[in-house]
Amino acid sequence: MGAEPEREEMDWPVYGTAVRELARMVADDGYRPDMILSIARGGLFVAGSLGYALAVKNLYVMNVEYYTGVDERLDIPVILPPYVDWVDLDDKKVLIVDDVADTGHTLALVHETATEAVAEVRSAVLYQKPQSVVDCEYVWRHTDRWINFPWSTEPPVVDLQGAGTTALDA
């Protein structure tokens, strides 16, 4: 068996630096979004942090299912409820935020959906991989590695098999 491939390791202190630098990229570019649209789940952390750093209070969430595991995904990304209410947003500027643009298919779906409803759309991610079909305007780092984020590296504390025990009991 071969060695496990190298991974990008992001801990909370590195995250703090990364998200601040990402916010600075957006601010230095002069882009002032009216709203931040987070792609759940990984984008929630980044969107909240950027909301504070960019003084944007209007945060929206779009739930998209695509990845079901490490390198395991559905054929196409699917938008899940609750859905964003796009009414009266036609003159707004939106910043779509996620943790990583891997294949980019999730970002492409959200970008396409938002573009039909608002005045301007840009995207910001912590990491972008070379195979991404979306080239985000704001990227903290480019990588071709799997990324261990501080919020998703540890196993869940609930028993996903339904046996009644938790990962904390092990």
N, C-alpha and C. Protein backbone atom coordinates (compact mmCIF):
# COMPACT_ATOMS: atom_id res chain seq x y z
N MET A 1 0.84 -1.19 0.00
CA MET A 1 0.00 0.00 0.00
C MET A 1 0.88 1.25 0.00
N GLY A 2 0.43 2.27 -0.71
CA GLY A 2 1.17 3.52 -0.76
C GLY A 2 0.89 4.38 0.46
N ALA A 3 1.71 5.38 0.62
CA ALA A 3 1.52 6.31 1.74
C ALA A 3 0.27 7.15 1.50
N GLU A 4 -0.36 7.57 2.58
CA GLU A 4 -1.52 8.44 2.47
C GLU A 4 -1.10 9.76 1.85
N PRO A 5 -1.90 10.28 0.91
CA PRO A 5 -1.52 11.53 0.26
C PRO A 5 -1.44 12.68 1.26
N GLU A 6 -0.57 13.63 0.94
CA GLU A 6 -0.43 14.79 1.81
C GLU A 6 -1.74 15.57 1.82
N ARG A 7 -2.01 16.20 2.96
CA ARG A 7 -3.23 16.98 3.12
C ARG A 7 -2.89 18.39 3.56
N GLU A 8 -3.75 19.32 3.22
CA GLU A 8 -3.67 20.67 3.76
C GLU A 8 -4.26 20.60 5.15
N GLU A 9 -3.55 21.09 6.13
CA GLU A 9 -4.04 21.09 7.50
C GLU A 9 -4.36 22.52 7.92
N MET A 10 -5.64 22.78 8.17
CA MET A 10 -6.04 24.10 8.64
C MET A 10 -6.57 23.96 10.06
N ASP A 11 -5.90 24.61 11.02
CA ASP A 11 -6.40 24.63 12.39
C ASP A 11 -7.07 25.98 12.62
N TRP A 12 -7.60 26.20 13.81
CA TRP A 12 -8.34 27.44 14.08
C TRP A 12 -7.46 28.68 13.97
N PRO A 13 -6.23 28.70 14.48
CA PRO A 13 -5.40 29.90 14.29
C PRO A 13 -5.12 30.22 12.82
N VAL A 14 -4.83 29.18 12.02
CA VAL A 14 -4.60 29.40 10.59
C VAL A 14 -5.88 29.90 9.94
N TYR A 15 -7.02 29.33 10.34
CA TYR A 15 -8.31 29.80 9.81
C TYR A 15 -8.50 31.29 10.08
N GLY A 16 -8.20 31.73 11.30
CA GLY A 16 -8.36 33.15 11.64
C GLY A 16 -7.53 34.04 10.72
N THR A 17 -6.31 33.65 10.47
CA THR A 17 -5.44 34.41 9.56
C THR A 17 -5.99 34.37 8.14
N ALA A 18 -6.37 33.18 7.69
CA ALA A 18 -6.85 32.99 6.32
C ALA A 18 -8.09 33.82 6.02
N VAL A 19 -9.07 33.77 6.92
CA VAL A 19 -10.33 34.46 6.65
C VAL A 19 -10.14 35.97 6.70
N ARG A 20 -9.24 36.43 7.55
CA ARG A 20 -8.95 37.87 7.61
C ARG A 20 -8.27 38.33 6.32
N GLU A 21 -7.34 37.52 5.82
CA GLU A 21 -6.67 37.85 4.56
C GLU A 21 -7.65 37.79 3.38
N LEU A 22 -8.58 36.84 3.41
CA LEU A 22 -9.60 36.75 2.37
C LEU A 22 -10.49 38.00 2.39
N ALA A 23 -10.87 38.43 3.58
CA ALA A 23 -11.68 39.65 3.71
C ALA A 23 -10.91 40.86 3.17
N ARG A 24 -9.63 40.93 3.44
CA ARG A 24 -8.80 42.03 2.96
C ARG A 24 -8.76 42.05 1.43
N MET A 25 -8.72 40.87 0.80
CA MET A 25 -8.73 40.79 -0.67
C MET A 25 -10.01 41.42 -1.23
N VAL A 26 -11.13 41.07 -0.63
CA VAL A 26 -12.42 41.61 -1.09
C VAL A 26 -12.45 43.12 -0.87
N ALA A 27 -12.06 43.56 0.31
CA ALA A 27 -12.08 45.01 0.63
C ALA A 27 -11.13 45.78 -0.26
N ASP A 28 -9.92 45.27 -0.45
CA ASP A 28 -8.93 45.96 -1.26
C ASP A 28 -9.34 46.05 -2.72
N ASP A 29 -10.19 45.11 -3.16
CA ASP A 29 -10.69 45.12 -4.54
C ASP A 29 -11.81 46.14 -4.71
N GLY A 30 -12.30 46.68 -3.59
CA GLY A 30 -13.38 47.66 -3.66
C GLY A 30 -14.76 47.06 -3.78
N TYR A 31 -14.87 45.75 -3.68
CA TYR A 31 -16.18 45.11 -3.78
C TYR A 31 -16.90 45.22 -2.44
N ARG A 32 -18.10 45.78 -2.47
CA ARG A 32 -18.90 45.98 -1.27
C ARG A 32 -20.22 45.24 -1.43
N PRO A 33 -20.25 43.96 -1.06
CA PRO A 33 -21.49 43.19 -1.24
C PRO A 33 -22.60 43.68 -0.32
N ASP A 34 -23.82 43.61 -0.83
CA ASP A 34 -25.01 43.92 -0.02
C ASP A 34 -25.39 42.72 0.83
N MET A 35 -25.02 41.54 0.36
CA MET A 35 -25.33 40.32 1.09
C MET A 35 -24.25 39.28 0.83
N ILE A 36 -24.11 38.39 1.80
CA ILE A 36 -23.21 37.25 1.67
C ILE A 36 -24.08 36.01 1.64
N LEU A 37 -23.84 35.18 0.63
CA LEU A 37 -24.59 33.94 0.45
C LEU A 37 -23.66 32.78 0.76
N SER A 38 -23.93 32.13 1.86
CA SER A 38 -23.10 31.02 2.33
C SER A 38 -23.60 29.70 1.74
N ILE A 39 -22.65 28.87 1.31
CA ILE A 39 -22.99 27.52 0.90
C ILE A 39 -22.76 26.61 2.12
N ALA A 40 -23.85 26.05 2.63
CA ALA A 40 -23.76 25.21 3.83
C ALA A 40 -23.27 23.81 3.43
N ARG A 41 -22.44 23.26 4.28
CA ARG A 41 -22.12 23.60 5.64
C ARG A 41 -20.79 24.33 5.77
N GLY A 42 -19.78 23.94 5.04
CA GLY A 42 -18.45 24.51 5.22
C GLY A 42 -18.38 26.01 5.04
N GLY A 43 -19.22 26.55 4.19
CA GLY A 43 -19.21 27.98 3.95
C GLY A 43 -19.79 28.81 5.08
N LEU A 44 -20.51 28.15 6.02
CA LEU A 44 -21.12 28.90 7.12
C LEU A 44 -20.08 29.62 7.97
N PHE A 45 -18.99 28.94 8.29
CA PHE A 45 -17.95 29.54 9.12
C PHE A 45 -17.31 30.73 8.42
N VAL A 46 -16.98 30.53 7.16
CA VAL A 46 -16.31 31.56 6.37
C VAL A 46 -17.24 32.76 6.17
N ALA A 47 -18.50 32.49 5.85
CA ALA A 47 -19.46 33.58 5.62
C ALA A 47 -19.68 34.42 6.86
N GLY A 48 -19.83 33.78 8.01
CA GLY A 48 -20.00 34.53 9.25
C GLY A 48 -18.80 35.40 9.55
N SER A 49 -17.62 34.84 9.37
CA SER A 49 -16.39 35.61 9.62
C SER A 49 -16.26 36.77 8.64
N LEU A 50 -16.54 36.52 7.37
CA LEU A 50 -16.47 37.60 6.38
C LEU A 50 -17.54 38.65 6.63
N GLY A 51 -18.70 38.21 7.11
CA GLY A 51 -19.76 39.17 7.43
C GLY A 51 -19.29 40.19 8.46
N TYR A 52 -18.62 39.72 9.49
CA TYR A 52 -18.07 40.64 10.50
C TYR A 52 -16.95 41.49 9.91
N ALA A 53 -16.01 40.88 9.20
CA ALA A 53 -14.85 41.60 8.68
C ALA A 53 -15.23 42.64 7.63
N LEU A 54 -16.27 42.37 6.85
CA LEU A 54 -16.68 43.28 5.78
C LEU A 54 -17.89 44.14 6.17
N ALA A 55 -18.32 44.04 7.42
CA ALA A 55 -19.45 44.81 7.93
C ALA A 55 -20.73 44.57 7.10
N VAL A 56 -20.97 43.30 6.78
CA VAL A 56 -22.17 42.91 6.04
C VAL A 56 -23.05 42.10 7.00
N LYS A 57 -24.24 42.62 7.28
CA LYS A 57 -25.14 41.95 8.22
C LYS A 57 -26.11 40.99 7.53
N ASN A 58 -26.33 41.17 6.24
CA ASN A 58 -27.27 40.33 5.52
C ASN A 58 -26.59 39.05 5.05
N LEU A 59 -26.78 37.99 5.84
CA LEU A 59 -26.20 36.68 5.52
C LEU A 59 -27.33 35.72 5.16
N TYR A 60 -27.17 35.09 4.04
CA TYR A 60 -28.14 34.10 3.59
C TYR A 60 -27.43 32.76 3.50
N VAL A 61 -28.20 31.69 3.54
CA VAL A 61 -27.63 30.34 3.47
C VAL A 61 -28.32 29.57 2.35
N MET A 62 -27.52 28.90 1.55
CA MET A 62 -28.06 27.98 0.56
C MET A 62 -27.51 26.60 0.89
N ASN A 63 -28.40 25.66 1.09
CA ASN A 63 -28.01 24.29 1.38
C ASN A 63 -27.91 23.51 0.09
N VAL A 64 -26.71 22.98 -0.17
CA VAL A 64 -26.48 22.21 -1.38
C VAL A 64 -25.83 20.90 -0.99
N GLU A 65 -26.40 19.80 -1.47
CA GLU A 65 -25.79 18.50 -1.20
C GLU A 65 -25.05 18.05 -2.45
N TYR A 66 -23.79 17.69 -2.27
CA TYR A 66 -22.98 17.17 -3.38
C TYR A 66 -22.03 16.10 -2.86
N TYR A 67 -21.22 16.44 -1.86
CA TYR A 67 -20.30 15.46 -1.30
C TYR A 67 -21.01 14.60 -0.27
N THR A 68 -20.79 13.30 -0.37
CA THR A 68 -21.36 12.38 0.61
C THR A 68 -20.25 11.73 1.44
N GLY A 69 -18.99 12.02 1.10
CA GLY A 69 -17.84 11.50 1.82
C GLY A 69 -16.58 11.97 1.12
N VAL A 70 -15.42 11.50 1.59
CA VAL A 70 -14.16 11.86 0.96
C VAL A 70 -14.14 11.30 -0.46
N ASP A 71 -14.05 12.18 -1.45
CA ASP A 71 -14.07 11.80 -2.86
C ASP A 71 -15.31 11.02 -3.27
N GLU A 72 -16.40 11.14 -2.51
CA GLU A 72 -17.67 10.51 -2.84
C GLU A 72 -18.70 11.61 -3.00
N ARG A 73 -19.34 11.64 -4.17
CA ARG A 73 -20.30 12.71 -4.41
C ARG A 73 -21.46 12.22 -5.27
N LEU A 74 -22.52 13.01 -5.24
CA LEU A 74 -23.66 12.73 -6.11
C LEU A 74 -23.27 13.05 -7.55
N ASP A 75 -24.10 12.66 -8.51
CA ASP A 75 -23.80 12.97 -9.90
C ASP A 75 -23.84 14.47 -10.17
N ILE A 76 -24.79 15.14 -9.56
CA ILE A 76 -24.89 16.60 -9.68
C ILE A 76 -25.26 17.18 -8.32
N PRO A 77 -24.86 18.43 -8.05
CA PRO A 77 -25.28 19.04 -6.78
C PRO A 77 -26.78 19.33 -6.79
N VAL A 78 -27.38 19.26 -5.60
CA VAL A 78 -28.83 19.46 -5.46
C VAL A 78 -29.07 20.52 -4.39
N ILE A 79 -29.87 21.54 -4.71
CA ILE A 79 -30.25 22.57 -3.74
C ILE A 79 -31.34 22.00 -2.85
N LEU A 80 -31.12 22.13 -1.53
CA LEU A 80 -32.07 21.61 -0.55
C LEU A 80 -32.82 22.76 0.13
N PRO A 81 -34.05 22.51 0.61
CA PRO A 81 -34.77 23.55 1.35
C PRO A 81 -34.13 23.78 2.70
N PRO A 82 -34.37 24.94 3.31
CA PRO A 82 -35.20 26.05 2.81
C PRO A 82 -34.47 26.81 1.70
N TYR A 83 -35.24 27.35 0.79
CA TYR A 83 -34.68 28.03 -0.36
C TYR A 83 -34.54 29.53 -0.10
N VAL A 84 -33.57 30.13 -0.77
CA VAL A 84 -33.37 31.58 -0.67
C VAL A 84 -34.54 32.28 -1.35
N ASP A 85 -35.08 33.30 -0.70
CA ASP A 85 -36.15 34.12 -1.28
C ASP A 85 -35.47 35.27 -2.03
N TRP A 86 -35.50 35.20 -3.36
CA TRP A 86 -34.79 36.18 -4.19
C TRP A 86 -35.61 37.44 -4.48
N VAL A 87 -36.78 37.60 -3.87
CA VAL A 87 -37.64 38.74 -4.13
C VAL A 87 -36.95 40.05 -3.72
N ASP A 88 -37.03 41.04 -4.58
CA ASP A 88 -36.51 42.39 -4.33
C ASP A 88 -34.99 42.44 -4.14
N LEU A 89 -34.26 41.54 -4.76
CA LEU A 89 -32.81 41.55 -4.67
C LEU A 89 -32.14 41.86 -6.01
N ASP A 90 -32.94 42.28 -7.00
CA ASP A 90 -32.41 42.46 -8.35
C ASP A 90 -31.36 43.56 -8.48
N ASP A 91 -31.27 44.48 -7.51
CA ASP A 91 -30.26 45.54 -7.59
C ASP A 91 -29.10 45.30 -6.61
N LYS A 92 -29.02 44.12 -6.03
CA LYS A 92 -28.04 43.82 -4.98
C LYS A 92 -26.77 43.16 -5.52
N LYS A 93 -25.69 43.39 -4.78
CA LYS A 93 -24.41 42.72 -5.05
C LYS A 93 -24.24 41.62 -4.02
N VAL A 94 -23.89 40.41 -4.51
CA VAL A 94 -23.81 39.24 -3.65
C VAL A 94 -22.40 38.66 -3.68
N LEU A 95 -21.93 38.26 -2.50
CA LEU A 95 -20.68 37.51 -2.40
C LEU A 95 -21.03 36.10 -1.97
N ILE A 96 -20.79 35.13 -2.86
CA ILE A 96 -21.02 33.72 -2.55
C ILE A 96 -19.77 33.21 -1.84
N VAL A 97 -19.97 32.50 -0.73
CA VAL A 97 -18.84 32.08 0.10
C VAL A 97 -18.93 30.58 0.39
N ASP A 98 -17.78 29.91 0.22
CA ASP A 98 -17.67 28.50 0.61
C ASP A 98 -16.26 28.26 1.14
N ASP A 99 -16.06 27.10 1.75
CA ASP A 99 -14.72 26.80 2.27
C ASP A 99 -13.77 26.40 1.15
N VAL A 100 -14.25 25.63 0.16
CA VAL A 100 -13.37 25.15 -0.91
C VAL A 100 -14.13 25.05 -2.23
N ALA A 101 -13.45 25.43 -3.30
CA ALA A 101 -13.94 25.17 -4.65
C ALA A 101 -13.17 23.95 -5.13
N ASP A 102 -13.77 22.78 -4.99
CA ASP A 102 -13.11 21.53 -5.36
C ASP A 102 -13.38 21.26 -6.84
N THR A 103 -14.49 20.62 -7.15
CA THR A 103 -14.86 20.48 -8.56
C THR A 103 -15.42 21.80 -9.07
N GLY A 104 -15.99 22.58 -8.13
CA GLY A 104 -16.61 23.85 -8.50
C GLY A 104 -18.06 23.72 -8.92
N HIS A 105 -18.58 22.50 -9.01
CA HIS A 105 -19.95 22.31 -9.48
C HIS A 105 -20.98 22.92 -8.53
N THR A 106 -20.76 22.82 -7.22
CA THR A 106 -21.67 23.43 -6.26
C THR A 106 -21.65 24.94 -6.42
N LEU A 107 -20.48 25.53 -6.48
CA LEU A 107 -20.37 26.98 -6.67
C LEU A 107 -21.01 27.41 -7.98
N ALA A 108 -20.82 26.65 -9.04
CA ALA A 108 -21.39 26.99 -10.33
C ALA A 108 -22.92 27.02 -10.26
N LEU A 109 -23.51 26.03 -9.58
CA LEU A 109 -24.97 25.99 -9.42
C LEU A 109 -25.47 27.20 -8.65
N VAL A 110 -24.83 27.51 -7.54
CA VAL A 110 -25.24 28.65 -6.72
C VAL A 110 -25.02 29.96 -7.49
N HIS A 111 -23.90 30.07 -8.18
CA HIS A 111 -23.60 31.28 -8.96
C HIS A 111 -24.65 31.49 -10.05
N GLU A 112 -24.99 30.42 -10.75
CA GLU A 112 -26.00 30.51 -11.81
C GLU A 112 -27.35 30.93 -11.24
N THR A 113 -27.73 30.35 -10.11
CA THR A 113 -29.00 30.67 -9.46
C THR A 113 -29.03 32.13 -9.03
N ALA A 114 -27.95 32.61 -8.41
CA ALA A 114 -27.90 33.98 -7.93
C ALA A 114 -27.85 34.98 -9.08
N THR A 115 -27.10 34.66 -10.12
CA THR A 115 -26.93 35.58 -11.26
C THR A 115 -28.28 35.93 -11.90
N GLU A 116 -29.21 34.99 -11.87
CA GLU A 116 -30.53 35.23 -12.45
C GLU A 116 -31.36 36.20 -11.62
N ALA A 117 -30.95 36.46 -10.36
CA ALA A 117 -31.81 37.21 -9.44
C ALA A 117 -31.22 38.52 -8.93
N VAL A 118 -29.91 38.73 -9.07
CA VAL A 118 -29.27 39.90 -8.48
C VAL A 118 -28.43 40.65 -9.51
N ALA A 119 -27.94 41.83 -9.14
CA ALA A 119 -27.20 42.67 -10.06
C ALA A 119 -25.78 42.17 -10.33
N GLU A 120 -25.08 41.70 -9.28
CA GLU A 120 -23.69 41.27 -9.45
C GLU A 120 -23.37 40.16 -8.46
N VAL A 121 -22.59 39.19 -8.94
CA VAL A 121 -22.21 38.04 -8.12
C VAL A 121 -20.71 37.82 -8.22
N ARG A 122 -20.07 37.66 -7.07
CA ARG A 122 -18.67 37.26 -7.00
C ARG A 122 -18.55 36.15 -5.96
N SER A 123 -17.43 35.42 -6.02
CA SER A 123 -17.24 34.28 -5.13
C SER A 123 -15.94 34.39 -4.36
N ALA A 124 -15.98 33.91 -3.10
CA ALA A 124 -14.80 33.89 -2.24
C ALA A 124 -14.70 32.52 -1.56
N VAL A 125 -13.51 31.93 -1.58
CA VAL A 125 -13.27 30.65 -0.93
C VAL A 125 -11.91 30.68 -0.24
N LEU A 126 -11.77 29.84 0.75
CA LEU A 126 -10.46 29.69 1.38
C LEU A 126 -9.50 28.98 0.44
N TYR A 127 -9.97 27.89 -0.17
CA TYR A 127 -9.14 27.09 -1.06
C TYR A 127 -9.83 26.88 -2.40
N GLN A 128 -9.02 26.88 -3.47
CA GLN A 128 -9.53 26.51 -4.78
C GLN A 128 -8.59 25.47 -5.36
N LYS A 129 -9.18 24.41 -5.92
CA LYS A 129 -8.40 23.34 -6.52
C LYS A 129 -8.30 23.55 -8.04
N PRO A 130 -7.25 23.01 -8.66
CA PRO A 130 -7.02 23.27 -10.08
C PRO A 130 -8.15 22.79 -11.00
N GLN A 131 -8.88 21.75 -10.60
CA GLN A 131 -9.95 21.21 -11.45
C GLN A 131 -11.27 21.96 -11.32
N SER A 132 -11.34 22.98 -10.48
CA SER A 132 -12.60 23.71 -10.28
C SER A 132 -13.10 24.32 -11.59
N VAL A 133 -14.39 24.10 -11.89
CA VAL A 133 -14.99 24.69 -13.09
C VAL A 133 -15.32 26.17 -12.88
N VAL A 134 -15.20 26.64 -11.64
CA VAL A 134 -15.40 28.06 -11.32
C VAL A 134 -14.06 28.63 -10.87
N ASP A 135 -13.71 29.76 -11.44
CA ASP A 135 -12.51 30.47 -11.00
C ASP A 135 -12.98 31.62 -10.13
N CYS A 136 -12.87 31.44 -8.82
CA CYS A 136 -13.39 32.43 -7.88
C CYS A 136 -12.57 33.72 -7.91
N GLU A 137 -13.25 34.83 -7.69
CA GLU A 137 -12.57 36.13 -7.68
C GLU A 137 -11.63 36.27 -6.49
N TYR A 138 -11.99 35.65 -5.37
CA TYR A 138 -11.20 35.80 -4.15
C TYR A 138 -10.87 34.41 -3.60
N VAL A 139 -9.57 34.10 -3.57
CA VAL A 139 -9.09 32.79 -3.13
C VAL A 139 -7.91 33.01 -2.20
N TRP A 140 -7.99 32.41 -1.00
CA TRP A 140 -6.88 32.54 -0.07
C TRP A 140 -5.70 31.68 -0.50
N ARG A 141 -5.93 30.41 -0.85
CA ARG A 141 -4.86 29.51 -1.27
C ARG A 141 -5.35 28.57 -2.38
N HIS A 142 -4.45 28.23 -3.28
CA HIS A 142 -4.71 27.21 -4.29
C HIS A 142 -4.01 25.93 -3.85
N THR A 143 -4.69 24.79 -4.03
CA THR A 143 -4.11 23.50 -3.64
C THR A 143 -4.73 22.39 -4.47
N ASP A 144 -4.01 21.29 -4.57
CA ASP A 144 -4.59 20.09 -5.19
C ASP A 144 -4.77 18.99 -4.16
N ARG A 145 -4.54 19.31 -2.89
CA ARG A 145 -4.65 18.34 -1.80
C ARG A 145 -6.04 18.32 -1.18
N TRP A 146 -6.34 17.23 -0.46
CA TRP A 146 -7.53 17.18 0.38
C TRP A 146 -7.26 18.11 1.56
N ILE A 147 -8.27 18.82 2.04
CA ILE A 147 -8.09 19.79 3.13
C ILE A 147 -8.75 19.28 4.40
N ASN A 148 -8.02 19.30 5.49
CA ASN A 148 -8.59 19.02 6.80
C ASN A 148 -8.92 20.35 7.45
N PHE A 149 -10.21 20.67 7.50
CA PHE A 149 -10.67 21.90 8.14
C PHE A 149 -10.89 21.63 9.62
N PRO A 150 -10.74 22.65 10.47
CA PRO A 150 -10.90 22.42 11.91
C PRO A 150 -12.32 22.01 12.30
N TRP A 151 -13.31 22.34 11.50
CA TRP A 151 -14.70 22.03 11.84
C TRP A 151 -15.15 20.66 11.32
N SER A 152 -14.34 20.01 10.48
CA SER A 152 -14.81 18.74 9.93
C SER A 152 -13.81 17.60 10.05
N THR A 153 -12.72 17.81 10.75
CA THR A 153 -11.70 16.77 10.89
C THR A 153 -12.09 15.72 11.92
N GLU A 154 -12.67 16.16 13.04
CA GLU A 154 -13.08 15.23 14.09
C GLU A 154 -14.39 14.53 13.70
N PRO A 155 -14.59 13.28 14.14
CA PRO A 155 -15.85 12.59 13.85
C PRO A 155 -17.01 13.23 14.61
N PRO A 156 -18.24 13.02 14.14
CA PRO A 156 -19.41 13.54 14.86
C PRO A 156 -19.47 12.99 16.28
N VAL A 157 -20.09 13.73 17.17
CA VAL A 157 -20.26 13.28 18.55
C VAL A 157 -21.55 12.48 18.72
N VAL A 158 -22.31 12.32 17.67
CA VAL A 158 -23.52 11.50 17.71
C VAL A 158 -23.26 10.20 16.96
N ASP A 159 -23.99 9.18 17.36
CA ASP A 159 -23.87 7.88 16.72
C ASP A 159 -24.71 7.89 15.45
N LEU A 160 -24.08 7.83 14.32
CA LEU A 160 -24.80 7.87 13.06
C LEU A 160 -25.38 6.50 12.68
N GLN A 161 -25.02 5.46 13.43
CA GLN A 161 -25.54 4.11 13.17
C GLN A 161 -26.81 3.82 13.95
N GLY A 162 -27.17 4.72 14.89
CA GLY A 162 -28.41 4.56 15.64
C GLY A 162 -28.32 3.60 16.81
N ALA A 163 -27.11 3.28 17.26
CA ALA A 163 -26.95 2.31 18.35
C ALA A 163 -27.11 2.95 19.73
N GLY A 164 -27.18 4.30 19.77
CA GLY A 164 -27.40 4.96 21.04
C GLY A 164 -26.14 5.48 21.70
N THR A 165 -24.97 5.06 21.26
CA THR A 165 -23.73 5.58 21.83
C THR A 165 -23.23 6.73 20.97
N THR A 166 -22.33 7.48 21.52
CA THR A 166 -21.76 8.59 20.77
C THR A 166 -20.28 8.35 20.56
N ALA A 167 -19.68 9.14 19.66
CA ALA A 167 -18.25 9.03 19.42
C ALA A 167 -17.48 9.38 20.69
N LEU A 168 -18.09 10.17 21.58
CA LEU A 168 -17.43 10.54 22.83
C LEU A 168 -17.37 9.35 23.80
N ASP A 169 -18.27 8.38 23.62
CA ASP A 169 -18.29 7.21 24.51
C ASP A 169 -17.17 6.22 24.17
N ALA A 170 -16.66 6.30 22.97
CA ALA A 170 -15.65 5.34 22.50
C ALA A 170 -14.30 5.56 23.17
